Amino acid sequence: MTECIPLFISQSSISTEINNTGTWRFVRPVYQEKTAPCSEACPVGEDIPKIEMLASRGMFK
């Protein structure tokens, strides 16, 4: 037996002509290797992003 799931579709009540999606839809993000601002500002030079990653995994004491 399959369960019927309602389908929700967004519908605009005004014209969408002001939303120029065609002009930017092919734009892709540009990723840049940069040092995190918190690491640059750390007075003792700790790798803050690594500490946060280890702490989120419960591996930082």
PDB file of N, CA and C in Angstrom:
ATOM      1  N   MET A   1       0.845  -1.190   0.000  1.00  0.00           N
ATOM      2  CA  MET A   1       0.000   0.000   0.000  1.00  0.00           C
ATOM      3  C   MET A   1       0.886   1.248   0.000  1.00  0.00           C
ATOM      4  N   THR A   2       0.605   2.150  -0.884  1.00  0.00           N
ATOM      5  CA  THR A   2       1.373   3.394  -0.962  1.00  0.00           C
ATOM      6  C   THR A   2       0.602   4.522  -0.298  1.00  0.00           C
ATOM      7  N   GLU A   3       1.360   5.343   0.390  1.00  0.00           N
ATOM      8  CA  GLU A   3       0.752   6.489   1.057  1.00  0.00           C
ATOM      9  C   GLU A   3       0.732   7.673   0.104  1.00  0.00           C
ATOM     10  N   CYS A   4      -0.382   8.353   0.049  1.00  0.00           N
ATOM     11  CA  CYS A   4      -0.515   9.522  -0.826  1.00  0.00           C
ATOM     12  C   CYS A   4       0.075  10.736  -0.111  1.00  0.00           C
ATOM     13  N   ILE A   5       1.059  11.350  -0.721  1.00  0.00           N
ATOM     14  CA  ILE A   5       1.702  12.532  -0.154  1.00  0.00           C
ATOM     15  C   ILE A   5       1.238  13.742  -0.956  1.00  0.00           C
ATOM     16  N   PRO A   6       0.675  14.766  -0.282  1.00  0.00           N
ATOM     17  CA  PRO A   6       0.206  15.939  -1.022  1.00  0.00           C
ATOM     18  C   PRO A   6       1.371  16.679  -1.673  1.00  0.00           C
ATOM     19  N   LEU A   7       1.132  17.196  -2.836  1.00  0.00           N
ATOM     20  CA  LEU A   7       2.144  17.936  -3.582  1.00  0.00           C
ATOM     21  C   LEU A   7       1.884  19.425  -3.423  1.00  0.00           C
ATOM     22  N   PHE A   8       2.870  20.136  -2.913  1.00  0.00           N
ATOM     23  CA  PHE A   8       2.736  21.574  -2.730  1.00  0.00           C
ATOM     24  C   PHE A   8       3.546  22.291  -3.798  1.00  0.00           C
ATOM     25  N   ILE A   9       2.926  23.206  -4.489  1.00  0.00           N
ATOM     26  CA  ILE A   9       3.587  23.973  -5.538  1.00  0.00           C
ATOM     27  C   ILE A   9       3.438  25.448  -5.189  1.00  0.00           C
ATOM     28  N   SER A  10       4.558  26.169  -5.193  1.00  0.00           N
ATOM     29  CA  SER A  10       4.478  27.593  -4.895  1.00  0.00           C
ATOM     30  C   SER A  10       3.846  28.331  -6.065  1.00  0.00           C
ATOM     31  N   GLN A  11       3.052  29.308  -5.742  1.00  0.00           N
ATOM     32  CA  GLN A  11       2.371  30.080  -6.771  1.00  0.00           C
ATOM     33  C   GLN A  11       2.467  31.549  -6.400  1.00  0.00           C
ATOM     34  N   SER A  12       2.886  32.361  -7.346  1.00  0.00           N
ATOM     35  CA  SER A  12       3.037  33.785  -7.106  1.00  0.00           C
ATOM     36  C   SER A  12       1.732  34.503  -7.398  1.00  0.00           C
ATOM     37  N   SER A  13       1.420  35.488  -6.572  1.00  0.00           N
ATOM     38  CA  SER A  13       0.201  36.261  -6.794  1.00  0.00           C
ATOM     39  C   SER A  13       0.467  37.509  -7.634  1.00  0.00           C
ATOM     40  N   ILE A  14       1.754  37.822  -7.857  1.00  0.00           N
ATOM     41  CA  ILE A  14       2.109  38.967  -8.698  1.00  0.00           C
ATOM     42  C   ILE A  14       3.025  38.495  -9.816  1.00  0.00           C
ATOM     43  N   SER A  15       3.299  39.371 -10.744  1.00  0.00           N
ATOM     44  CA  SER A  15       4.161  39.035 -11.873  1.00  0.00           C
ATOM     45  C   SER A  15       5.588  38.775 -11.395  1.00  0.00           C
ATOM     46  N   THR A  16       6.253  37.831 -12.027  1.00  0.00           N
ATOM     47  CA  THR A  16       7.644  37.528 -11.685  1.00  0.00           C
ATOM     48  C   THR A  16       8.621  38.135 -12.685  1.00  0.00           C
ATOM     49  N   GLU A  17       8.163  39.083 -13.485  1.00  0.00           N
ATOM     50  CA  GLU A  17       9.028  39.706 -14.493  1.00  0.00           C
ATOM     51  C   GLU A  17      10.195  40.462 -13.875  1.00  0.00           C
ATOM     52  N   ILE A  18      10.041  40.963 -12.647  1.00  0.00           N
ATOM     53  CA  ILE A  18      11.141  41.707 -12.012  1.00  0.00           C
ATOM     54  C   ILE A  18      12.256  40.774 -11.557  1.00  0.00           C
ATOM     55  N   ASN A  19      11.970  39.488 -11.439  1.00  0.00           N
ATOM     56  CA  ASN A  19      12.970  38.506 -11.025  1.00  0.00           C
ATOM     57  C   ASN A  19      13.704  38.012 -12.271  1.00  0.00           C
ATOM     58  N   ASN A  20      14.824  38.639 -12.589  1.00  0.00           N
ATOM     59  CA  ASN A  20      15.566  38.330 -13.813  1.00  0.00           C
ATOM     60  C   ASN A  20      16.414  37.072 -13.650  1.00  0.00           C
ATOM     61  N   THR A  21      15.768  35.933 -13.545  1.00  0.00           N
ATOM     62  CA  THR A  21      16.520  34.703 -13.322  1.00  0.00           C
ATOM     63  C   THR A  21      17.321  34.298 -14.548  1.00  0.00           C
ATOM     64  N   GLY A  22      16.890  34.669 -15.719  1.00  0.00           N
ATOM     65  CA  GLY A  22      17.598  34.264 -16.927  1.00  0.00           C
ATOM     66  C   GLY A  22      18.976  34.878 -17.051  1.00  0.00           C
ATOM     67  N   THR A  23      19.209  36.034 -16.429  1.00  0.00           N
ATOM     68  CA  THR A  23      20.488  36.719 -16.580  1.00  0.00           C
ATOM     69  C   THR A  23      21.575  36.164 -15.667  1.00  0.00           C
ATOM     70  N   TRP A  24      21.214  35.498 -14.591  1.00  0.00           N
ATOM     71  CA  TRP A  24      22.238  35.023 -13.666  1.00  0.00           C
ATOM     72  C   TRP A  24      22.159  33.531 -13.379  1.00  0.00           C
ATOM     73  N   ARG A  25      21.308  32.807 -14.033  1.00  0.00           N
ATOM     74  CA  ARG A  25      21.128  31.400 -13.691  1.00  0.00           C
ATOM     75  C   ARG A  25      22.325  30.520 -14.026  1.00  0.00           C
ATOM     76  N   PHE A  26      23.234  30.983 -14.875  1.00  0.00           N
ATOM     77  CA  PHE A  26      24.413  30.197 -15.213  1.00  0.00           C
ATOM     78  C   PHE A  26      25.635  30.600 -14.391  1.00  0.00           C
ATOM     79  N   VAL A  27      25.490  31.571 -13.509  1.00  0.00           N
ATOM     80  CA  VAL A  27      26.596  32.025 -12.667  1.00  0.00           C
ATOM     81  C   VAL A  27      26.876  30.955 -11.615  1.00  0.00           C
ATOM     82  N   ARG A  28      28.120  30.614 -11.433  1.00  0.00           N
ATOM     83  CA  ARG A  28      28.531  29.610 -10.453  1.00  0.00           C
ATOM     84  C   ARG A  28      29.410  30.281  -9.394  1.00  0.00           C
ATOM     85  N   PRO A  29      29.353  29.790  -8.158  1.00  0.00           N
ATOM     86  CA  PRO A  29      30.194  30.384  -7.117  1.00  0.00           C
ATOM     87  C   PRO A  29      31.672  30.147  -7.392  1.00  0.00           C
ATOM     88  N   VAL A  30      32.476  31.079  -6.952  1.00  0.00           N
ATOM     89  CA  VAL A  30      33.927  30.961  -7.092  1.00  0.00           C
ATOM     90  C   VAL A  30      34.483  30.706  -5.697  1.00  0.00           C
ATOM     91  N   TYR A  31      35.118  29.571  -5.525  1.00  0.00           N
ATOM     92  CA  TYR A  31      35.685  29.212  -4.230  1.00  0.00           C
ATOM     93  C   TYR A  31      37.141  29.660  -4.174  1.00  0.00           C
ATOM     94  N   GLN A  32      37.502  30.275  -3.061  1.00  0.00           N
ATOM     95  CA  GLN A  32      38.856  30.774  -2.890  1.00  0.00           C
ATOM     96  C   GLN A  32      39.436  30.209  -1.595  1.00  0.00           C
ATOM     97  N   GLU A  33      40.693  29.803  -1.661  1.00  0.00           N
ATOM     98  CA  GLU A  33      41.391  29.352  -0.462  1.00  0.00           C
ATOM     99  C   GLU A  33      41.836  30.586   0.313  1.00  0.00           C
ATOM    100  N   LYS A  34      41.276  30.766   1.488  1.00  0.00           N
ATOM    101  CA  LYS A  34      41.641  31.905   2.320  1.00  0.00           C
ATOM    102  C   LYS A  34      41.765  31.443   3.761  1.00  0.00           C
ATOM    103  N   THR A  35      42.512  32.187   4.525  1.00  0.00           N
ATOM    104  CA  THR A  35      42.633  31.919   5.951  1.00  0.00           C
ATOM    105  C   THR A  35      41.419  32.505   6.649  1.00  0.00           C
ATOM    106  N   ALA A  36      40.843  31.732   7.561  1.00  0.00           N
ATOM    107  CA  ALA A  36      39.675  32.209   8.305  1.00  0.00           C
ATOM    108  C   ALA A  36      40.057  33.441   9.118  1.00  0.00           C
ATOM    109  N   PRO A  37      39.176  34.448   9.172  1.00  0.00           N
ATOM    110  CA  PRO A  37      39.492  35.669   9.926  1.00  0.00           C
ATOM    111  C   PRO A  37      39.829  35.390  11.388  1.00  0.00           C
ATOM    112  N   CYS A  38      39.172  34.384  11.989  1.00  0.00           N
ATOM    113  CA  CYS A  38      39.470  34.081  13.393  1.00  0.00           C
ATOM    114  C   CYS A  38      40.880  33.525  13.543  1.00  0.00           C
ATOM    115  N   SER A  39      41.365  32.813  12.536  1.00  0.00           N
ATOM    116  CA  SER A  39      42.735  32.289  12.592  1.00  0.00           C
ATOM    117  C   SER A  39      43.754  33.399  12.403  1.00  0.00           C
ATOM    118  N   GLU A  40      43.444  34.349  11.533  1.00  0.00           N
ATOM    119  CA  GLU A  40      44.354  35.485  11.315  1.00  0.00           C
ATOM    120  C   GLU A  40      44.470  36.336  12.572  1.00  0.00           C
ATOM    121  N   ALA A  41      43.349  36.493  13.288  1.00  0.00           N
ATOM    122  CA  ALA A  41      43.329  37.373  14.453  1.00  0.00           C
ATOM    123  C   ALA A  41      43.781  36.687  15.736  1.00  0.00           C
ATOM    124  N   CYS A  42      43.950  35.371  15.713  1.00  0.00           N
ATOM    125  CA  CYS A  42      44.333  34.641  16.925  1.00  0.00           C
ATOM    126  C   CYS A  42      45.752  35.030  17.341  1.00  0.00           C
ATOM    127  N   PRO A  43      45.923  35.557  18.555  1.00  0.00           N
ATOM    128  CA  PRO A  43      47.251  36.013  18.978  1.00  0.00           C
ATOM    129  C   PRO A  43      48.271  34.888  19.158  1.00  0.00           C
ATOM    130  N   VAL A  44      47.829  33.652  19.361  1.00  0.00           N
ATOM    131  CA  VAL A  44      48.771  32.544  19.546  1.00  0.00           C
ATOM    132  C   VAL A  44      48.871  31.662  18.310  1.00  0.00           C
ATOM    133  N   GLY A  45      48.168  32.015  17.239  1.00  0.00           N
ATOM    134  CA  GLY A  45      48.288  31.301  15.973  1.00  0.00           C
ATOM    135  C   GLY A  45      47.625  29.935  15.930  1.00  0.00           C
ATOM    136  N   GLU A  46      46.596  29.715  16.745  1.00  0.00           N
ATOM    137  CA  GLU A  46      45.892  28.426  16.750  1.00  0.00           C
ATOM    138  C   GLU A  46      45.071  28.256  15.473  1.00  0.00           C
ATOM    139  N   ASP A  47      44.893  27.010  15.065  1.00  0.00           N
ATOM    140  CA  ASP A  47      44.073  26.681  13.898  1.00  0.00           C
ATOM    141  C   ASP A  47      42.625  26.537  14.372  1.00  0.00           C
ATOM    142  N   ILE A  48      41.917  27.663  14.464  1.00  0.00           N
ATOM    143  CA  ILE A  48      40.569  27.701  15.026  1.00  0.00           C
ATOM    144  C   ILE A  48      39.593  26.797  14.264  1.00  0.00           C
ATOM    145  N   PRO A  49      39.547  26.834  12.925  1.00  0.00           N
ATOM    146  CA  PRO A  49      38.622  25.935  12.222  1.00  0.00           C
ATOM    147  C   PRO A  49      38.866  24.458  12.535  1.00  0.00           C
ATOM    148  N   LYS A  50      40.136  24.064  12.688  1.00  0.00           N
ATOM    149  CA  LYS A  50      40.440  22.667  13.019  1.00  0.00           C
ATOM    150  C   LYS A  50      39.965  22.339  14.429  1.00  0.00           C
ATOM    151  N   ILE A  51      40.154  23.254  15.354  1.00  0.00           N
ATOM    152  CA  ILE A  51      39.692  23.053  16.725  1.00  0.00           C
ATOM    153  C   ILE A  51      38.173  22.898  16.747  1.00  0.00           C
ATOM    154  N   GLU A  52      37.458  23.736  15.981  1.00  0.00           N
ATOM    155  CA  GLU A  52      35.999  23.638  15.917  1.00  0.00           C
ATOM    156  C   GLU A  52      35.566  22.302  15.321  1.00  0.00           C
ATOM    157  N   MET A  53      36.264  21.846  14.288  1.00  0.00           N
ATOM    158  CA  MET A  53      35.935  20.577  13.657  1.00  0.00           C
ATOM    159  C   MET A  53      36.143  19.424  14.642  1.00  0.00           C
ATOM    160  N   LEU A  54      37.276  19.423  15.344  1.00  0.00           N
ATOM    161  CA  LEU A  54      37.553  18.373  16.325  1.00  0.00           C
ATOM    162  C   LEU A  54      36.550  18.411  17.479  1.00  0.00           C
ATOM    163  N   ALA A  55      36.193  19.607  17.927  1.00  0.00           N
ATOM    164  CA  ALA A  55      35.226  19.740  19.020  1.00  0.00           C
ATOM    165  C   ALA A  55      33.855  19.223  18.600  1.00  0.00           C
ATOM    166  N   SER A  56      33.461  19.472  17.352  1.00  0.00           N
ATOM    167  CA  SER A  56      32.157  18.990  16.881  1.00  0.00           C
ATOM    168  C   SER A  56      32.115  17.473  16.799  1.00  0.00           C
ATOM    169  N   ARG A  57      33.282  16.850  16.649  1.00  0.00           N
ATOM    170  CA  ARG A  57      33.367  15.383  16.602  1.00  0.00           C
ATOM    171  C   ARG A  57      33.659  14.782  17.975  1.00  0.00           C
ATOM    172  N   GLY A  58      33.745  15.631  18.986  1.00  0.00           N
ATOM    173  CA  GLY A  58      34.023  15.151  20.337  1.00  0.00           C
ATOM    174  C   GLY A  58      35.454  14.697  20.529  1.00  0.00           C
ATOM    175  N   MET A  59      36.370  15.175  19.693  1.00  0.00           N
ATOM    176  CA  MET A  59      37.763  14.727  19.739  1.00  0.00           C
ATOM    177  C   MET A  59      38.703  15.771  20.331  1.00  0.00           C
ATOM    178  N   PHE A  60      38.172  16.882  20.822  1.00  0.00           N
ATOM    179  CA  PHE A  60      39.012  17.954  21.350  1.00  0.00           C
ATOM    180  C   PHE A  60      38.828  18.010  22.856  1.00  0.00           C
ATOM    181  N   LYS A  61      39.926  17.991  23.571  1.00  0.00           N
ATOM    182  CA  LYS A  61      39.857  18.035  25.041  1.00  0.00           C
ATOM    183  C   LYS A  61      40.340  19.373  25.534  1.00  0.00           C
TER     184      LYS A  61
END
